[in-house]
PDB file of all heavy atoms in Angstrom:
ATOM      1  N   THR A   1       0.920  -7.728  -1.116  1.00  0.00           N
ATOM      2  CA  THR A   1       1.073  -6.444  -1.770  1.00  0.00           C
ATOM      3  C   THR A   1       0.706  -6.497  -3.175  1.00  0.00           C
ATOM      4  O   THR A   1      -0.038  -5.604  -3.671  1.00  0.00           O
ATOM      5  CB  THR A   1       2.534  -6.099  -1.574  1.00  0.00           C
ATOM      6  OG1 THR A   1       2.853  -5.923  -0.223  1.00  0.00           O
ATOM      7  CG2 THR A   1       2.884  -4.762  -2.289  1.00  0.00           C
ATOM      8  N   THR A   2       1.129  -7.509  -3.852  1.00  0.00           N
ATOM      9  CA  THR A   2       0.807  -7.675  -5.298  1.00  0.00           C
ATOM     10  C   THR A   2      -0.812  -7.741  -5.545  1.00  0.00           C
ATOM     11  O   THR A   2      -1.393  -6.954  -6.292  1.00  0.00           O
ATOM     12  CB  THR A   2       1.393  -8.898  -5.866  1.00  0.00           C
ATOM     13  OG1 THR A   2       2.787  -8.857  -5.648  1.00  0.00           O
ATOM     14  CG2 THR A   2       1.040  -9.078  -7.396  1.00  0.00           C
ATOM     15  N   ILE A   3      -1.476  -8.505  -4.743  1.00  0.00           N
ATOM     16  CA  ILE A   3      -2.881  -8.695  -4.848  1.00  0.00           C
ATOM     17  C   ILE A   3      -3.511  -7.362  -4.350  1.00  0.00           C
ATOM     18  O   ILE A   3      -4.603  -6.906  -4.948  1.00  0.00           O
ATOM     19  CB  ILE A   3      -3.423  -9.930  -4.109  1.00  0.00           C
ATOM     20  CG1 ILE A   3      -2.844 -11.244  -4.718  1.00  0.00           C
ATOM     21  CG2 ILE A   3      -4.857  -9.922  -3.934  1.00  0.00           C
ATOM     22  CD1 ILE A   3      -3.164 -11.508  -6.115  1.00  0.00           C
ATOM     23  N   GLY A   4      -3.104  -6.892  -3.200  1.00  0.00           N
ATOM     24  CA  GLY A   4      -3.679  -5.674  -2.620  1.00  0.00           C
ATOM     25  C   GLY A   4      -3.669  -4.510  -3.623  1.00  0.00           C
ATOM     26  O   GLY A   4      -4.625  -3.753  -3.672  1.00  0.00           O
ATOM     27  N   LYS A   5      -2.589  -4.289  -4.331  1.00  0.00           N
ATOM     28  CA  LYS A   5      -2.493  -3.249  -5.351  1.00  0.00           C
ATOM     29  C   LYS A   5      -3.608  -3.356  -6.468  1.00  0.00           C
ATOM     30  O   LYS A   5      -4.208  -2.429  -6.731  1.00  0.00           O
ATOM     31  CB  LYS A   5      -1.068  -3.120  -5.995  1.00  0.00           C
ATOM     32  CG  LYS A   5      -0.027  -2.502  -5.031  1.00  0.00           C
ATOM     33  CD  LYS A   5       1.252  -2.575  -5.719  1.00  0.00           C
ATOM     34  CE  LYS A   5       2.336  -2.022  -4.868  1.00  0.00           C
ATOM     35  NZ  LYS A   5       3.729  -2.169  -5.446  1.00  0.00           N
ATOM     36  N   GLN A   6      -3.645  -4.587  -6.932  1.00  0.00           N
ATOM     37  CA  GLN A   6      -4.698  -4.875  -7.879  1.00  0.00           C
ATOM     38  C   GLN A   6      -6.056  -4.764  -7.427  1.00  0.00           C
ATOM     39  O   GLN A   6      -6.883  -4.204  -8.127  1.00  0.00           O
ATOM     40  CB  GLN A   6      -4.451  -6.318  -8.499  1.00  0.00           C
ATOM     41  CG  GLN A   6      -3.143  -6.402  -9.256  1.00  0.00           C
ATOM     42  CD  GLN A   6      -3.115  -5.585 -10.463  1.00  0.00           C
ATOM     43  OE1 GLN A   6      -3.967  -5.403 -11.173  1.00  0.00           O
ATOM     44  NE2 GLN A   6      -1.904  -4.960 -10.610  1.00  0.00           N
ATOM     45  N   LEU A   7      -6.352  -5.220  -6.223  1.00  0.00           N
ATOM     46  CA  LEU A   7      -7.667  -5.082  -5.651  1.00  0.00           C
ATOM     47  C   LEU A   7      -8.086  -3.713  -5.429  1.00  0.00           C
ATOM     48  O   LEU A   7      -9.185  -3.316  -5.785  1.00  0.00           O
ATOM     49  CB  LEU A   7      -7.708  -5.877  -4.294  1.00  0.00           C
ATOM     50  CG  LEU A   7      -9.039  -6.181  -3.679  1.00  0.00           C
ATOM     51  CD1 LEU A   7      -9.886  -7.012  -4.540  1.00  0.00           C
ATOM     52  CD2 LEU A   7      -8.774  -6.823  -2.291  1.00  0.00           C
ATOM     53  N   ALA A   8      -7.221  -2.804  -4.964  1.00  0.00           N
ATOM     54  CA  ALA A   8      -7.406  -1.410  -4.664  1.00  0.00           C
ATOM     55  C   ALA A   8      -7.765  -0.733  -6.058  1.00  0.00           C
ATOM     56  O   ALA A   8      -8.667   0.058  -6.051  1.00  0.00           O
ATOM     57  CB  ALA A   8      -6.240  -0.685  -3.985  1.00  0.00           C
ATOM     58  N   LEU A   9      -6.899  -1.047  -7.036  1.00  0.00           N
ATOM     59  CA  LEU A   9      -7.204  -0.442  -8.335  1.00  0.00           C
ATOM     60  C   LEU A   9      -8.525  -0.884  -8.954  1.00  0.00           C
ATOM     61  O   LEU A   9      -9.297  -0.008  -9.384  1.00  0.00           O
ATOM     62  CB  LEU A   9      -6.023  -0.933  -9.349  1.00  0.00           C
ATOM     63  CG  LEU A   9      -5.923  -0.260 -10.660  1.00  0.00           C
ATOM     64  CD1 LEU A   9      -5.555   1.201 -10.515  1.00  0.00           C
ATOM     65  CD2 LEU A   9      -4.821  -0.987 -11.452  1.00  0.00           C
ATOM     66  N   HIS A  10      -8.838  -2.049  -8.820  1.00  0.00           N
ATOM     67  CA  HIS A  10     -10.081  -2.559  -9.326  1.00  0.00           C
ATOM     68  C   HIS A  10     -11.404  -1.932  -8.642  1.00  0.00           C
ATOM     69  O   HIS A  10     -12.336  -1.696  -9.225  1.00  0.00           O
ATOM     70  CB  HIS A  10     -10.180  -4.095  -9.107  1.00  0.00           C
ATOM     71  CG  HIS A  10     -11.491  -4.761  -9.576  1.00  0.00           C
ATOM     72  ND1 HIS A  10     -11.647  -4.951 -10.956  1.00  0.00           N
ATOM     73  CD2 HIS A  10     -12.522  -5.131  -8.935  1.00  0.00           C
ATOM     74  CE1 HIS A  10     -12.956  -5.482 -11.062  1.00  0.00           C
ATOM     75  NE2 HIS A  10     -13.381  -5.676  -9.830  1.00  0.00           N
ATOM     76  N   HIS A  11     -11.176  -1.629  -7.398  1.00  0.00           N
ATOM     77  CA  HIS A  11     -12.328  -1.140  -6.544  1.00  0.00           C
ATOM     78  C   HIS A  11     -12.142   0.427  -6.313  1.00  0.00           C
ATOM     79  O   HIS A  11     -12.852   0.977  -5.579  1.00  0.00           O
ATOM     80  CB  HIS A  11     -12.468  -1.821  -5.170  1.00  0.00           C
ATOM     81  CG  HIS A  11     -12.920  -3.228  -5.439  1.00  0.00           C
ATOM     82  ND1 HIS A  11     -14.242  -3.571  -5.602  1.00  0.00           N
ATOM     83  CD2 HIS A  11     -12.281  -4.453  -5.372  1.00  0.00           C
ATOM     84  CE1 HIS A  11     -14.373  -4.819  -5.747  1.00  0.00           C
ATOM     85  NE2 HIS A  11     -13.214  -5.406  -5.647  1.00  0.00           N
ATOM     86  N   ASN A  12     -11.180   1.023  -7.002  1.00  0.00           N
ATOM     87  CA  ASN A  12     -10.919   2.468  -6.860  1.00  0.00           C
ATOM     88  C   ASN A  12     -10.765   2.830  -5.363  1.00  0.00           C
ATOM     89  O   ASN A  12     -11.362   3.767  -4.938  1.00  0.00           O
ATOM     90  CB  ASN A  12     -12.028   3.312  -7.544  1.00  0.00           C
ATOM     91  CG  ASN A  12     -11.576   4.714  -7.838  1.00  0.00           C
ATOM     92  OD1 ASN A  12     -10.482   4.907  -8.043  1.00  0.00           O
ATOM     93  ND2 ASN A  12     -12.558   5.536  -7.862  1.00  0.00           N
ATOM     94  N   LEU A  13      -9.959   2.224  -4.610  1.00  0.00           N
ATOM     95  CA  LEU A  13      -9.641   2.377  -3.243  1.00  0.00           C
ATOM     96  C   LEU A  13      -8.132   2.740  -3.129  1.00  0.00           C
ATOM     97  O   LEU A  13      -7.388   2.411  -3.922  1.00  0.00           O
ATOM     98  CB  LEU A  13     -10.015   1.194  -2.371  1.00  0.00           C
ATOM     99  CG  LEU A  13     -11.439   0.922  -2.234  1.00  0.00           C
ATOM    100  CD1 LEU A  13     -11.657  -0.487  -1.629  1.00  0.00           C
ATOM    101  CD2 LEU A  13     -12.220   1.880  -1.455  1.00  0.00           C
ATOM    102  N   ASN A  14      -7.853   3.346  -1.953  1.00  0.00           N
ATOM    103  CA  ASN A  14      -6.548   3.616  -1.642  1.00  0.00           C
ATOM    104  C   ASN A  14      -5.806   2.318  -1.267  1.00  0.00           C
ATOM    105  O   ASN A  14      -6.440   1.480  -0.610  1.00  0.00           O
ATOM    106  CB  ASN A  14      -6.545   4.615  -0.370  1.00  0.00           C
ATOM    107  CG  ASN A  14      -5.134   5.197  -0.140  1.00  0.00           C
ATOM    108  OD1 ASN A  14      -4.299   5.385  -0.980  1.00  0.00           O
ATOM    109  ND2 ASN A  14      -4.936   5.427   1.182  1.00  0.00           N
ATOM    110  N   PHE A  15      -4.619   2.159  -1.675  1.00  0.00           N
ATOM    111  CA  PHE A  15      -3.703   0.950  -1.225  1.00  0.00           C
ATOM    112  C   PHE A  15      -2.688   1.444  -0.204  1.00  0.00           C
ATOM    113  O   PHE A  15      -1.954   2.368  -0.367  1.00  0.00           O
ATOM    114  CB  PHE A  15      -3.067   0.259  -2.456  1.00  0.00           C
ATOM    115  CG  PHE A  15      -2.147  -0.829  -2.019  1.00  0.00           C
ATOM    116  CD1 PHE A  15      -2.689  -1.993  -1.495  1.00  0.00           C
ATOM    117  CD2 PHE A  15      -0.803  -0.604  -1.981  1.00  0.00           C
ATOM    118  CE1 PHE A  15      -1.850  -3.071  -1.095  1.00  0.00           C
ATOM    119  CE2 PHE A  15       0.088  -1.584  -1.656  1.00  0.00           C
ATOM    120  CZ  PHE A  15      -0.513  -2.852  -1.200  1.00  0.00           C
ATOM    121  N   ILE A  16      -2.626   0.627   0.777  1.00  0.00           N
ATOM    122  CA  ILE A  16      -1.658   0.886   1.881  1.00  0.00           C
ATOM    123  C   ILE A  16      -0.879  -0.362   2.185  1.00  0.00           C
ATOM    124  O   ILE A  16      -1.494  -1.390   2.511  1.00  0.00           O
ATOM    125  CB  ILE A  16      -2.337   1.440   3.196  1.00  0.00           C
ATOM    126  CG1 ILE A  16      -3.086   2.776   2.948  1.00  0.00           C
ATOM    127  CG2 ILE A  16      -1.330   1.536   4.322  1.00  0.00           C
ATOM    128  CD1 ILE A  16      -3.889   3.174   4.100  1.00  0.00           C
ATOM    129  N   ASP A  17       0.433  -0.310   2.051  1.00  0.00           N
ATOM    130  CA  ASP A  17       1.345  -1.338   2.556  1.00  0.00           C
ATOM    131  C   ASP A  17       1.956  -0.930   3.757  1.00  0.00           C
ATOM    132  O   ASP A  17       2.631   0.092   3.819  1.00  0.00           O
ATOM    133  CB  ASP A  17       2.405  -1.634   1.389  1.00  0.00           C
ATOM    134  CG  ASP A  17       3.279  -2.724   1.804  1.00  0.00           C
ATOM    135  OD1 ASP A  17       3.992  -2.662   2.844  1.00  0.00           O
ATOM    136  OD2 ASP A  17       3.346  -3.730   1.083  1.00  0.00           O
ATOM    137  N   ILE A  18       1.547  -1.651   4.846  1.00  0.00           N
ATOM    138  CA  ILE A  18       2.044  -1.197   6.163  1.00  0.00           C
ATOM    139  C   ILE A  18       3.639  -1.035   6.269  1.00  0.00           C
ATOM    140  O   ILE A  18       4.146  -0.001   6.771  1.00  0.00           O
ATOM    141  CB  ILE A  18       1.520  -2.180   7.308  1.00  0.00           C
ATOM    142  CG1 ILE A  18       0.033  -2.238   7.437  1.00  0.00           C
ATOM    143  CG2 ILE A  18       2.173  -1.858   8.622  1.00  0.00           C
ATOM    144  CD1 ILE A  18      -0.514  -0.972   7.978  1.00  0.00           C
ATOM    145  N   ASP A  19       4.293  -1.953   5.663  1.00  0.00           N
ATOM    146  CA  ASP A  19       5.728  -1.820   5.606  1.00  0.00           C
ATOM    147  C   ASP A  19       6.230  -0.630   4.964  1.00  0.00           C
ATOM    148  O   ASP A  19       7.061   0.106   5.484  1.00  0.00           O
ATOM    149  CB  ASP A  19       6.449  -2.992   4.925  1.00  0.00           C
ATOM    150  CG  ASP A  19       6.481  -4.295   5.810  1.00  0.00           C
ATOM    151  OD1 ASP A  19       6.158  -4.186   6.996  1.00  0.00           O
ATOM    152  OD2 ASP A  19       6.738  -5.370   5.334  1.00  0.00           O
ATOM    153  N   ASN A  20       5.586  -0.278   3.771  1.00  0.00           N
ATOM    154  CA  ASN A  20       5.962   0.957   3.135  1.00  0.00           C
ATOM    155  C   ASN A  20       5.683   2.120   3.965  1.00  0.00           C
ATOM    156  O   ASN A  20       6.381   3.136   3.938  1.00  0.00           O
ATOM    157  CB  ASN A  20       5.261   1.047   1.745  1.00  0.00           C
ATOM    158  CG  ASN A  20       5.794   0.135   0.706  1.00  0.00           C
ATOM    159  OD1 ASN A  20       6.869  -0.411   0.927  1.00  0.00           O
ATOM    160  ND2 ASN A  20       5.055  -0.131  -0.416  1.00  0.00           N
ATOM    161  N   LYS A  21       4.542   2.196   4.597  1.00  0.00           N
ATOM    162  CA  LYS A  21       3.984   3.243   5.439  1.00  0.00           C
ATOM    163  C   LYS A  21       5.134   3.426   6.548  1.00  0.00           C
ATOM    164  O   LYS A  21       5.508   4.647   6.854  1.00  0.00           O
ATOM    165  CB  LYS A  21       2.735   2.874   6.045  1.00  0.00           C
ATOM    166  CG  LYS A  21       2.042   4.011   6.710  1.00  0.00           C
ATOM    167  CD  LYS A  21       0.721   4.318   5.902  1.00  0.00           C
ATOM    168  CE  LYS A  21       0.069   5.498   6.379  1.00  0.00           C
ATOM    169  NZ  LYS A  21      -0.072   6.576   5.413  1.00  0.00           N
ATOM    170  N   ILE A  22       5.599   2.377   7.142  1.00  0.00           N
ATOM    171  CA  ILE A  22       6.637   2.473   8.277  1.00  0.00           C
ATOM    172  C   ILE A  22       7.968   2.997   7.538  1.00  0.00           C
ATOM    173  O   ILE A  22       8.538   3.924   8.147  1.00  0.00           O
ATOM    174  CB  ILE A  22       6.892   1.174   8.859  1.00  0.00           C
ATOM    175  CG1 ILE A  22       5.608   0.770   9.662  1.00  0.00           C
ATOM    176  CG2 ILE A  22       8.132   1.164   9.677  1.00  0.00           C
ATOM    177  CD1 ILE A  22       5.642  -0.662  10.162  1.00  0.00           C
ATOM    178  N   GLU A  23       8.397   2.522   6.399  1.00  0.00           N
ATOM    179  CA  GLU A  23       9.554   3.081   5.827  1.00  0.00           C
ATOM    180  C   GLU A  23       9.426   4.567   5.509  1.00  0.00           C
ATOM    181  O   GLU A  23      10.415   5.301   5.724  1.00  0.00           O
ATOM    182  CB  GLU A  23       9.882   2.270   4.570  1.00  0.00           C
ATOM    183  CG  GLU A  23      10.421   0.791   4.901  1.00  0.00           C
ATOM    184  CD  GLU A  23      10.609   0.023   3.619  1.00  0.00           C
ATOM    185  OE1 GLU A  23      10.155   0.307   2.462  1.00  0.00           O
ATOM    186  OE2 GLU A  23      11.429  -0.937   3.736  1.00  0.00           O
ATOM    187  N   GLU A  24       8.369   4.986   5.008  1.00  0.00           N
ATOM    188  CA  GLU A  24       8.132   6.405   4.723  1.00  0.00           C
ATOM    189  C   GLU A  24       8.104   7.250   6.007  1.00  0.00           C
ATOM    190  O   GLU A  24       8.744   8.322   6.099  1.00  0.00           O
ATOM    191  CB  GLU A  24       6.842   6.597   4.074  1.00  0.00           C
ATOM    192  CG  GLU A  24       6.771   6.185   2.637  1.00  0.00           C
ATOM    193  CD  GLU A  24       5.282   6.138   2.058  1.00  0.00           C
ATOM    194  OE1 GLU A  24       4.345   6.733   2.636  1.00  0.00           O
ATOM    195  OE2 GLU A  24       5.073   5.468   0.948  1.00  0.00           O
ATOM    196  N   SER A  25       7.488   6.733   7.011  1.00  0.00           N
ATOM    197  CA  SER A  25       7.454   7.559   8.258  1.00  0.00           C
ATOM    198  C   SER A  25       8.718   7.577   9.120  1.00  0.00           C
ATOM    199  O   SER A  25       9.052   8.542   9.726  1.00  0.00           O
ATOM    200  CB  SER A  25       6.289   7.095   9.197  1.00  0.00           C
ATOM    201  OG  SER A  25       6.641   5.791   9.750  1.00  0.00           O
ATOM    202  N   THR A  26       9.439   6.566   8.974  1.00  0.00           N
ATOM    203  CA  THR A  26      10.795   6.525   9.705  1.00  0.00           C
ATOM    204  C   THR A  26      12.100   6.985   8.837  1.00  0.00           C
ATOM    205  O   THR A  26      13.089   7.237   9.312  1.00  0.00           O
ATOM    206  CB  THR A  26      11.064   5.145  10.254  1.00  0.00           C
ATOM    207  OG1 THR A  26      11.172   4.165   9.161  1.00  0.00           O
ATOM    208  CG2 THR A  26      10.015   4.715  11.257  1.00  0.00           C
ATOM    209  N   ASN A  27      11.767   6.983   7.503  1.00  0.00           N
ATOM    210  CA  ASN A  27      12.873   7.222   6.599  1.00  0.00           C
ATOM    211  C   ASN A  27      13.939   6.179   6.614  1.00  0.00           C
ATOM    212  O   ASN A  27      15.079   6.427   6.422  1.00  0.00           O
ATOM    213  CB  ASN A  27      13.406   8.651   6.634  1.00  0.00           C
ATOM    214  CG  ASN A  27      13.809   9.185   5.352  1.00  0.00           C
ATOM    215  OD1 ASN A  27      13.351   8.799   4.381  1.00  0.00           O
ATOM    216  ND2 ASN A  27      14.637  10.322   5.416  1.00  0.00           N
ATOM    217  N   LYS A  28      13.470   4.893   7.026  1.00  0.00           N
ATOM    218  CA  LYS A  28      14.519   3.838   7.087  1.00  0.00           C
ATOM    219  C   LYS A  28      13.847   2.551   6.480  1.00  0.00           C
ATOM    220  O   LYS A  28      12.680   2.350   6.542  1.00  0.00           O
ATOM    221  CB  LYS A  28      14.899   3.499   8.546  1.00  0.00           C
ATOM    222  CG  LYS A  28      15.610   4.668   9.204  1.00  0.00           C
ATOM    223  CD  LYS A  28      15.880   4.241  10.685  1.00  0.00           C
ATOM    224  CE  LYS A  28      16.624   5.431  11.303  1.00  0.00           C
ATOM    225  NZ  LYS A  28      17.102   5.123  12.586  1.00  0.00           N
TER     226      LYS A  28
END
């Protein structure tokens, strides 16, 4: 997650953390 956020920022790409996506979609 830490590296992914930085990599996405550096390359101007969207960052997706699968765990966060699941938490958002289930609200749990």
